[in-house]
Protein backbone atom coordinates (compact mmCIF):
# COMPACT_ATOMS: atom_id res chain seq x y z
CA MET A 1 2.41 67.56 -13.39
CA LYS A 2 1.41 67.60 -9.72
CA ASN A 3 -1.86 65.86 -10.62
CA LYS A 4 0.00 63.08 -12.41
CA ILE A 5 2.29 62.54 -9.40
CA LEU A 6 -0.66 62.57 -6.98
CA THR A 7 -2.64 60.19 -9.19
CA THR A 8 0.35 57.86 -9.43
CA LEU A 9 0.81 57.96 -5.63
CA TYR A 10 -2.91 57.21 -5.09
CA ILE A 11 -2.73 54.29 -7.48
CA LEU A 12 0.43 52.95 -5.79
CA ALA A 13 -1.18 53.38 -2.35
CA PHE A 14 -4.32 51.60 -3.57
CA VAL A 15 -2.33 48.73 -5.11
CA GLY A 16 -0.12 48.49 -2.00
CA GLY A 17 -3.20 48.45 0.26
CA PHE A 18 -4.82 45.80 -1.92
CA PHE A 19 -1.74 43.56 -1.70
CA ALA A 20 -1.46 44.12 2.06
CA LEU A 21 -5.09 43.11 2.57
CA TYR A 22 -4.86 40.23 0.12
CA PHE A 23 -1.77 38.69 1.72
CA SER A 24 -2.97 39.24 5.28
CA GLY A 25 -6.32 37.66 4.33
CA SER A 26 -4.63 34.68 2.65
CA THR A 27 -2.52 34.07 5.76
CA LYS A 28 -5.65 33.86 7.86
CA GLN A 29 -7.21 31.46 5.37
CA THR A 30 -4.06 29.35 5.17
CA ALA A 31 -3.86 28.71 8.92
CA PRO A 32 -6.73 26.18 9.06
CA ILE A 33 -5.40 24.37 5.99
CA VAL A 34 -1.97 24.01 7.62
CA SER A 35 -3.67 22.77 10.78
CA GLN A 36 -5.61 20.15 8.82
CA THR A 37 -2.43 19.08 7.07
CA ASN A 38 -0.67 18.64 10.42
CA GLN A 39 -3.57 16.51 11.67
CA GLN A 40 -3.34 14.30 8.59
CA THR A 41 0.42 13.96 9.06
CA ASP A 42 -0.04 12.99 12.71
CA THR A 43 -2.56 10.32 11.69
CA SER A 44 -0.38 8.98 8.89
CA GLN A 45 2.57 8.75 11.27
CA LEU A 46 0.72 6.02 13.12
CA TRP A 47 1.85 3.67 10.34
CA VAL A 48 5.44 4.83 9.85
CA GLN A 49 8.39 2.61 9.04
CA LYS A 50 10.16 1.11 12.09
CA ILE A 51 13.78 -0.02 12.26
CA ASP A 52 15.45 -2.51 14.62
CA GLU A 53 19.25 -2.86 14.50
CA GLN A 54 20.29 -5.61 16.90
CA SER A 55 22.45 -8.72 16.85
CA GLU A 56 24.21 -7.73 13.59
CA VAL A 57 20.91 -7.69 11.67
CA THR A 58 18.89 -4.67 10.54
CA VAL A 59 15.16 -5.28 10.22
CA ILE A 60 12.97 -2.58 8.69
CA VAL A 61 9.19 -3.00 8.84
CA THR A 62 6.75 -0.81 6.93
CA PRO A 63 2.98 -1.29 7.19
CA ILE A 64 1.70 -1.10 3.62
CA ASP A 65 -1.95 -2.05 3.94
CA ILE A 66 -3.54 -1.71 7.36
CA LEU A 67 -6.94 -0.22 6.74
CA SER A 68 -10.34 -1.08 8.10
CA GLN A 69 -11.57 -2.08 4.64
CA SER A 70 -8.54 -4.29 3.88
CA LYS A 71 -9.18 -8.02 4.13
CA GLU A 72 -5.46 -8.65 4.64
CA TRP A 73 -3.02 -6.54 6.61
CA LYS A 74 0.39 -6.37 4.94
CA PHE A 75 3.81 -5.46 6.29
CA TYR A 76 6.83 -4.97 4.03
CA ILE A 77 9.87 -6.43 5.79
CA ASP A 78 13.46 -5.75 4.76
CA MET A 79 16.31 -7.62 6.52
CA ASN A 80 20.04 -7.03 6.03
CA THR A 81 23.12 -8.61 7.56
CA HIS A 82 26.67 -9.62 6.70
CA SER A 83 27.06 -12.37 9.29
CA VAL A 84 23.79 -14.21 9.97
CA GLU A 85 21.88 -16.45 7.56
CA LEU A 86 18.35 -15.09 7.10
CA ASP A 87 16.59 -18.38 6.45
CA GLN A 88 13.88 -18.25 9.12
CA ASP A 89 10.32 -19.31 8.28
CA MET A 90 8.64 -15.90 8.65
CA ILE A 91 5.23 -17.49 9.23
CA LYS A 92 6.65 -19.31 12.28
CA VAL A 93 8.75 -16.50 13.76
CA ALA A 94 6.29 -13.58 13.47
CA VAL A 95 3.13 -12.78 15.40
CA LEU A 96 0.81 -9.74 15.44
CA ILE A 97 -0.59 -8.77 18.83
CA ASP A 98 -3.57 -6.43 19.34
CA ASP A 99 -4.20 -4.02 22.22
CA SER A 100 -6.01 -6.73 24.25
CA GLY A 101 -3.05 -9.15 23.96
CA LYS A 102 -4.63 -11.48 21.41
CA GLU A 103 -2.10 -13.02 19.01
CA TYR A 104 -2.55 -13.48 15.26
CA LYS A 105 -0.34 -15.73 13.13
CA PRO A 106 0.64 -14.68 9.61
CA ILE A 107 -1.26 -16.22 6.73
CA ALA A 108 1.46 -15.77 4.10
CA TRP A 109 5.03 -14.67 3.40
CA GLU A 110 5.76 -13.42 -0.10
CA GLY A 111 9.51 -13.27 -0.43
CA PRO A 112 12.70 -15.31 -0.63
CA THR A 113 13.59 -18.01 1.90
CA GLY A 114 17.23 -17.16 2.68
CA GLY A 115 20.33 -15.07 2.13
CA HIS A 116 21.99 -12.06 3.71
CA HIS A 117 19.50 -9.62 2.24
CA ARG A 118 15.89 -10.62 2.39
CA GLU A 119 12.73 -8.68 1.75
CA GLY A 120 9.10 -9.52 1.31
CA VAL A 121 5.54 -8.99 2.43
CA LEU A 122 4.13 -10.60 5.57
CA LYS A 123 0.35 -10.93 5.50
CA PHE A 124 -2.20 -11.26 8.30
CA ASN A 125 -5.96 -11.50 8.29
CA GLN A 126 -7.67 -8.23 9.13
CA ILE A 127 -8.23 -7.64 12.85
CA THR A 128 -11.77 -6.60 13.76
CA PRO A 129 -12.65 -4.49 15.52
CA ILE A 130 -9.70 -2.28 14.68
CA PRO A 131 -7.41 -2.24 17.76
CA LYS A 132 -6.01 0.93 19.30
CA TYR A 133 -2.53 -0.35 18.51
CA VAL A 134 -0.79 -3.44 17.15
CA GLU A 135 2.58 -4.95 17.90
CA LEU A 136 4.51 -7.08 15.42
CA LYS A 137 6.97 -9.42 17.16
CA ILE A 138 9.62 -11.27 15.20
CA SER A 139 11.85 -13.79 16.95
CA GLY A 140 14.65 -15.98 15.70
CA ILE A 141 16.48 -13.39 13.61
CA GLY A 142 19.70 -13.15 15.55
CA VAL A 143 19.33 -13.89 19.25
CA VAL A 144 16.73 -11.23 20.03
CA VAL A 145 12.97 -10.73 19.84
CA ARG A 146 12.20 -7.68 17.76
CA SER A 147 9.13 -5.62 18.57
CA PHE A 148 7.48 -3.05 16.30
CA THR A 149 4.46 -1.14 17.64
CA TRP A 150 2.02 1.12 15.83
């Protein structure tokens, strides 16, 4: 009977030691993966959605295609208001500015032309070389100039 108890205790100690080593080893292996994930998140946050709520109009801009291999850079723009008509010509009121101050006009707007809720895609030609940052300025929506920087 004592041998069975001792054998059971040895087996439990062995299994417990195995799990302790396994989980402590997996924690050490997980650390670099978490670090890499955080680095990817930091990089992806360069292109996060930006919101501007001024002059009774909310403008939300989300870069949807700004990659070095993309021929066109695309920004999804969502505008909402209850008091201002959103009938601006987006090609005339928007400009993309690179880190050296050079301005780029949009090449297309794919979306409606008016209303109190307006959404669409604003397209620009690719900027080469890829700038360190870009700024999208939109004027004429309300009485303010809206600036979105990535």
